PDB file of N, CA and C in Angstrom:
ATOM      1  N   MET A   1       0.844  -1.169   0.000  1.00  0.00           N
ATOM      2  CA  MET A   1       0.000   0.000   0.000  1.00  0.00           C
ATOM      3  C   MET A   1       0.890   1.233   0.000  1.00  0.00           C
ATOM      4  N   ALA A   2       0.783   2.019  -1.029  1.00  0.00           N
ATOM      5  CA  ALA A   2       1.588   3.223  -1.151  1.00  0.00           C
ATOM      6  C   ALA A   2       0.771   4.446  -0.731  1.00  0.00           C
ATOM      7  N   LEU A   3       1.383   5.277   0.083  1.00  0.00           N
ATOM      8  CA  LEU A   3       0.737   6.520   0.499  1.00  0.00           C
ATOM      9  C   LEU A   3       1.288   7.658  -0.337  1.00  0.00           C
ATOM     10  N   ASP A   4       0.400   8.515  -0.804  1.00  0.00           N
ATOM     11  CA  ASP A   4       0.857   9.683  -1.550  1.00  0.00           C
ATOM     12  C   ASP A   4       0.668  10.936  -0.688  1.00  0.00           C
ATOM     13  N   ALA A   5       0.972  12.082  -1.254  1.00  0.00           N
ATOM     14  CA  ALA A   5       0.933  13.332  -0.495  1.00  0.00           C
ATOM     15  C   ALA A   5      -0.474  13.663   0.000  1.00  0.00           C
ATOM     16  N   SER A   6      -1.491  13.356  -0.800  1.00  0.00           N
ATOM     17  CA  SER A   6      -2.855  13.672  -0.360  1.00  0.00           C
ATOM     18  C   SER A   6      -3.266  12.803   0.833  1.00  0.00           C
ATOM     19  N   ASP A   7      -2.834  11.539   0.848  1.00  0.00           N
ATOM     20  CA  ASP A   7      -3.121  10.686   1.999  1.00  0.00           C
ATOM     21  C   ASP A   7      -2.423  11.212   3.251  1.00  0.00           C
ATOM     22  N   PHE A   8      -1.209  11.686   3.097  1.00  0.00           N
ATOM     23  CA  PHE A   8      -0.473  12.242   4.232  1.00  0.00           C
ATOM     24  C   PHE A   8      -1.205  13.457   4.798  1.00  0.00           C
ATOM     25  N   CYS A   9      -1.690  14.326   3.929  1.00  0.00           N
ATOM     26  CA  CYS A   9      -2.445  15.502   4.372  1.00  0.00           C
ATOM     27  C   CYS A   9      -3.743  15.089   5.062  1.00  0.00           C
ATOM     28  N   LYS A  10      -4.430  14.087   4.530  1.00  0.00           N
ATOM     29  CA  LYS A  10      -5.669  13.605   5.146  1.00  0.00           C
ATOM     30  C   LYS A  10      -5.403  13.007   6.524  1.00  0.00           C
ATOM     31  N   ILE A  11      -4.281  12.329   6.686  1.00  0.00           N
ATOM     32  CA  ILE A  11      -3.931  11.747   7.989  1.00  0.00           C
ATOM     33  C   ILE A  11      -3.683  12.846   9.007  1.00  0.00           C
ATOM     34  N   ILE A  12      -2.957  13.884   8.611  1.00  0.00           N
ATOM     35  CA  ILE A  12      -2.709  15.006   9.520  1.00  0.00           C
ATOM     36  C   ILE A  12      -4.031  15.673   9.907  1.00  0.00           C
ATOM     37  N   LEU A  13      -4.907  15.909   8.936  1.00  0.00           N
ATOM     38  CA  LEU A  13      -6.204  16.521   9.231  1.00  0.00           C
ATOM     39  C   LEU A  13      -7.077  15.602  10.084  1.00  0.00           C
ATOM     40  N   ALA A  14      -6.961  14.289   9.877  1.00  0.00           N
ATOM     41  CA  ALA A  14      -7.752  13.336  10.664  1.00  0.00           C
ATOM     42  C   ALA A  14      -7.317  13.334  12.122  1.00  0.00           C
ATOM     43  N   ILE A  15      -6.071  13.616  12.382  1.00  0.00           N
ATOM     44  CA  ILE A  15      -5.604  13.683  13.763  1.00  0.00           C
ATOM     45  C   ILE A  15      -6.085  14.975  14.417  1.00  0.00           C
ATOM     46  N   ILE A  16      -6.121  16.063  13.660  1.00  0.00           N
ATOM     47  CA  ILE A  16      -6.548  17.349  14.213  1.00  0.00           C
ATOM     48  C   ILE A  16      -8.075  17.426  14.302  1.00  0.00           C
ATOM     49  N   ILE A  17      -8.759  17.136  13.185  1.00  0.00           N
ATOM     50  CA  ILE A  17     -10.231  17.186  13.111  1.00  0.00           C
ATOM     51  C   ILE A  17     -10.693  15.917  12.387  1.00  0.00           C
ATOM     52  N   PRO A  18     -11.003  14.840  13.112  1.00  0.00           N
ATOM     53  CA  PRO A  18     -11.319  13.562  12.479  1.00  0.00           C
ATOM     54  C   PRO A  18     -12.421  13.604  11.415  1.00  0.00           C
ATOM     55  N   PRO A  19     -13.552  14.305  11.626  1.00  0.00           N
ATOM     56  CA  PRO A  19     -14.576  14.306  10.564  1.00  0.00           C
ATOM     57  C   PRO A  19     -14.101  14.940   9.256  1.00  0.00           C
ATOM     58  N   LEU A  20     -13.193  15.891   9.336  1.00  0.00           N
ATOM     59  CA  LEU A  20     -12.684  16.519   8.124  1.00  0.00           C
ATOM     60  C   LEU A  20     -11.881  15.521   7.285  1.00  0.00           C
ATOM     61  N   GLY A  21     -11.083  14.696   7.935  1.00  0.00           N
ATOM     62  CA  GLY A  21     -10.345  13.670   7.204  1.00  0.00           C
ATOM     63  C   GLY A  21     -11.257  12.671   6.521  1.00  0.00           C
ATOM     64  N   VAL A  22     -12.328  12.284   7.210  1.00  0.00           N
ATOM     65  CA  VAL A  22     -13.295  11.343   6.622  1.00  0.00           C
ATOM     66  C   VAL A  22     -14.045  12.012   5.475  1.00  0.00           C
ATOM     67  N   TYR A  23     -14.412  13.271   5.647  1.00  0.00           N
ATOM     68  CA  TYR A  23     -15.117  13.992   4.578  1.00  0.00           C
ATOM     69  C   TYR A  23     -14.253  14.084   3.325  1.00  0.00           C
ATOM     70  N   LEU A  24     -12.981  14.378   3.475  1.00  0.00           N
ATOM     71  CA  LEU A  24     -12.104  14.485   2.314  1.00  0.00           C
ATOM     72  C   LEU A  24     -11.914  13.144   1.613  1.00  0.00           C
ATOM     73  N   GLU A  25     -11.995  12.059   2.373  1.00  0.00           N
ATOM     74  CA  GLU A  25     -11.817  10.726   1.777  1.00  0.00           C
ATOM     75  C   GLU A  25     -13.101  10.198   1.150  1.00  0.00           C
ATOM     76  N   ARG A  26     -14.237  10.354   1.829  1.00  0.00           N
ATOM     77  CA  ARG A  26     -15.486   9.726   1.395  1.00  0.00           C
ATOM     78  C   ARG A  26     -16.606  10.688   1.048  1.00  0.00           C
ATOM     79  N   GLY A  27     -16.519  11.953   1.455  1.00  0.00           N
ATOM     80  CA  GLY A  27     -17.606  12.894   1.211  1.00  0.00           C
ATOM     81  C   GLY A  27     -18.736  12.695   2.212  1.00  0.00           C
ATOM     82  N   TRP A  28     -19.905  13.281   1.876  1.00  0.00           N
ATOM     83  CA  TRP A  28     -21.075  13.150   2.753  1.00  0.00           C
ATOM     84  C   TRP A  28     -21.576  11.725   2.708  1.00  0.00           C
ATOM     85  N   GLY A  29     -21.922  11.167   3.840  1.00  0.00           N
ATOM     86  CA  GLY A  29     -22.462   9.825   3.861  1.00  0.00           C
ATOM     87  C   GLY A  29     -22.449   9.234   5.258  1.00  0.00           C
ATOM     88  N   SER A  30     -22.670   7.950   5.309  1.00  0.00           N
ATOM     89  CA  SER A  30     -22.771   7.279   6.604  1.00  0.00           C
ATOM     90  C   SER A  30     -21.437   7.255   7.345  1.00  0.00           C
ATOM     91  N   ASP A  31     -20.323   7.153   6.616  1.00  0.00           N
ATOM     92  CA  ASP A  31     -19.022   7.151   7.290  1.00  0.00           C
ATOM     93  C   ASP A  31     -18.777   8.468   8.023  1.00  0.00           C
ATOM     94  N   LEU A  32     -19.177   9.574   7.413  1.00  0.00           N
ATOM     95  CA  LEU A  32     -19.012  10.874   8.059  1.00  0.00           C
ATOM     96  C   LEU A  32     -19.912  10.973   9.292  1.00  0.00           C
ATOM     97  N   ALA A  33     -21.132  10.495   9.188  1.00  0.00           N
ATOM     98  CA  ALA A  33     -22.061  10.540  10.329  1.00  0.00           C
ATOM     99  C   ALA A  33     -21.540   9.691  11.484  1.00  0.00           C
ATOM    100  N   ILE A  34     -21.045   8.506  11.165  1.00  0.00           N
ATOM    101  CA  ILE A  34     -20.487   7.631  12.202  1.00  0.00           C
ATOM    102  C   ILE A  34     -19.291   8.300  12.867  1.00  0.00           C
ATOM    103  N   ASN A  35     -18.439   8.925  12.060  1.00  0.00           N
ATOM    104  CA  ASN A  35     -17.259   9.568  12.618  1.00  0.00           C
ATOM    105  C   ASN A  35     -17.628  10.764  13.489  1.00  0.00           C
ATOM    106  N   CYS A  36     -18.633  11.518  13.094  1.00  0.00           N
ATOM    107  CA  CYS A  36     -19.070  12.644  13.924  1.00  0.00           C
ATOM    108  C   CYS A  36     -19.568  12.164  15.284  1.00  0.00           C
ATOM    109  N   VAL A  37     -20.336  11.100  15.285  1.00  0.00           N
ATOM    110  CA  VAL A  37     -20.840  10.549  16.550  1.00  0.00           C
ATOM    111  C   VAL A  37     -19.679  10.035  17.398  1.00  0.00           C
ATOM    112  N   LEU A  38     -18.749   9.303  16.793  1.00  0.00           N
ATOM    113  CA  LEU A  38     -17.603   8.789  17.545  1.00  0.00           C
ATOM    114  C   LEU A  38     -16.737   9.928  18.095  1.00  0.00           C
ATOM    115  N   THR A  39     -16.586  10.980  17.326  1.00  0.00           N
ATOM    116  CA  THR A  39     -15.784  12.111  17.793  1.00  0.00           C
ATOM    117  C   THR A  39     -16.476  12.824  18.954  1.00  0.00           C
ATOM    118  N   LEU A  40     -17.782  12.927  18.898  1.00  0.00           N
ATOM    119  CA  LEU A  40     -18.512  13.551  20.002  1.00  0.00           C
ATOM    120  C   LEU A  40     -18.473  12.686  21.261  1.00  0.00           C
ATOM    121  N   LEU A  41     -18.471  11.375  21.088  1.00  0.00           N
ATOM    122  CA  LEU A  41     -18.415  10.480  22.248  1.00  0.00           C
ATOM    123  C   LEU A  41     -17.020  10.425  22.862  1.00  0.00           C
ATOM    124  N   GLY A  42     -16.031  10.618  22.048  1.00  0.00           N
ATOM    125  CA  GLY A  42     -14.648  10.610  22.520  1.00  0.00           C
ATOM    126  C   GLY A  42     -13.726  10.915  21.363  1.00  0.00           C
ATOM    127  N   TYR A  43     -12.781  11.766  21.591  1.00  0.00           N
ATOM    128  CA  TYR A  43     -11.912  12.215  20.505  1.00  0.00           C
ATOM    129  C   TYR A  43     -11.093  11.061  19.922  1.00  0.00           C
ATOM    130  N   LEU A  44     -10.580  10.189  20.754  1.00  0.00           N
ATOM    131  CA  LEU A  44      -9.736   9.081  20.282  1.00  0.00           C
ATOM    132  C   LEU A  44     -10.483   8.097  19.380  1.00  0.00           C
ATOM    133  N   PRO A  45     -11.719   7.679  19.716  1.00  0.00           N
ATOM    134  CA  PRO A  45     -12.439   6.813  18.778  1.00  0.00           C
ATOM    135  C   PRO A  45     -12.664   7.459  17.408  1.00  0.00           C
ATOM    136  N   GLY A  46     -12.877   8.767  17.393  1.00  0.00           N
ATOM    137  CA  GLY A  46     -13.031   9.478  16.120  1.00  0.00           C
ATOM    138  C   GLY A  46     -11.755   9.436  15.294  1.00  0.00           C
ATOM    139  N   ILE A  47     -10.620   9.600  15.953  1.00  0.00           N
ATOM    140  CA  ILE A  47      -9.335   9.542  15.250  1.00  0.00           C
ATOM    141  C   ILE A  47      -9.090   8.147  14.702  1.00  0.00           C
ATOM    142  N   ILE A  48      -9.336   7.133  15.503  1.00  0.00           N
ATOM    143  CA  ILE A  48      -9.113   5.748  15.064  1.00  0.00           C
ATOM    144  C   ILE A  48      -9.992   5.425  13.863  1.00  0.00           C
ATOM    145  N   HIS A  49     -11.250   5.814  13.920  1.00  0.00           N
ATOM    146  CA  HIS A  49     -12.158   5.546  12.803  1.00  0.00           C
ATOM    147  C   HIS A  49     -11.714   6.292  11.551  1.00  0.00           C
ATOM    148  N   ALA A  50     -11.313   7.543  11.704  1.00  0.00           N
ATOM    149  CA  ALA A  50     -10.864   8.332  10.551  1.00  0.00           C
ATOM    150  C   ALA A  50      -9.624   7.710   9.915  1.00  0.00           C
ATOM    151  N   LEU A  51      -8.672   7.301  10.729  1.00  0.00           N
ATOM    152  CA  LEU A  51      -7.468   6.665  10.184  1.00  0.00           C
ATOM    153  C   LEU A  51      -7.810   5.345   9.497  1.00  0.00           C
ATOM    154  N   TYR A  52      -8.748   4.607  10.065  1.00  0.00           N
ATOM    155  CA  TYR A  52      -9.181   3.358   9.433  1.00  0.00           C
ATOM    156  C   TYR A  52      -9.775   3.625   8.056  1.00  0.00           C
ATOM    157  N   ILE A  53     -10.626   4.623   7.951  1.00  0.00           N
ATOM    158  CA  ILE A  53     -11.263   4.962   6.673  1.00  0.00           C
ATOM    159  C   ILE A  53     -10.223   5.402   5.648  1.00  0.00           C
ATOM    160  N   ILE A  54      -9.272   6.218   6.072  1.00  0.00           N
ATOM    161  CA  ILE A  54      -8.273   6.738   5.136  1.00  0.00           C
ATOM    162  C   ILE A  54      -7.309   5.651   4.693  1.00  0.00           C
ATOM    163  N   LEU A  55      -6.878   4.811   5.607  1.00  0.00           N
ATOM    164  CA  LEU A  55      -5.859   3.810   5.285  1.00  0.00           C
ATOM    165  C   LEU A  55      -6.430   2.495   4.736  1.00  0.00           C
ATOM    166  N   LYS A  56      -7.752   2.338   4.787  1.00  0.00           N
ATOM    167  CA  LYS A  56      -8.373   1.074   4.356  1.00  0.00           C
ATOM    168  C   LYS A  56      -8.166   0.808   2.884  1.00  0.00           C
ATOM    169  N   ASP A  57      -8.246   1.809   2.040  1.00  0.00           N
ATOM    170  CA  ASP A  57      -8.149   1.599   0.594  1.00  0.00           C
ATOM    171  C   ASP A  57      -6.722   1.467   0.132  1.00  0.00           C
TER     172      ASP A  57
END
């Protein structure tokens, strides 16, 4: 799995603002809604989910 510059930027944004990283990867949808809920419940679960979404592909 090769990471390019856009993935690196998404990872940095996912650590700072997890829903933004998910939005840039997938756009509006269920993944963004799930990430928003996880981020509101706890910042760390939101980060983990965002990194999973970005690195999964």
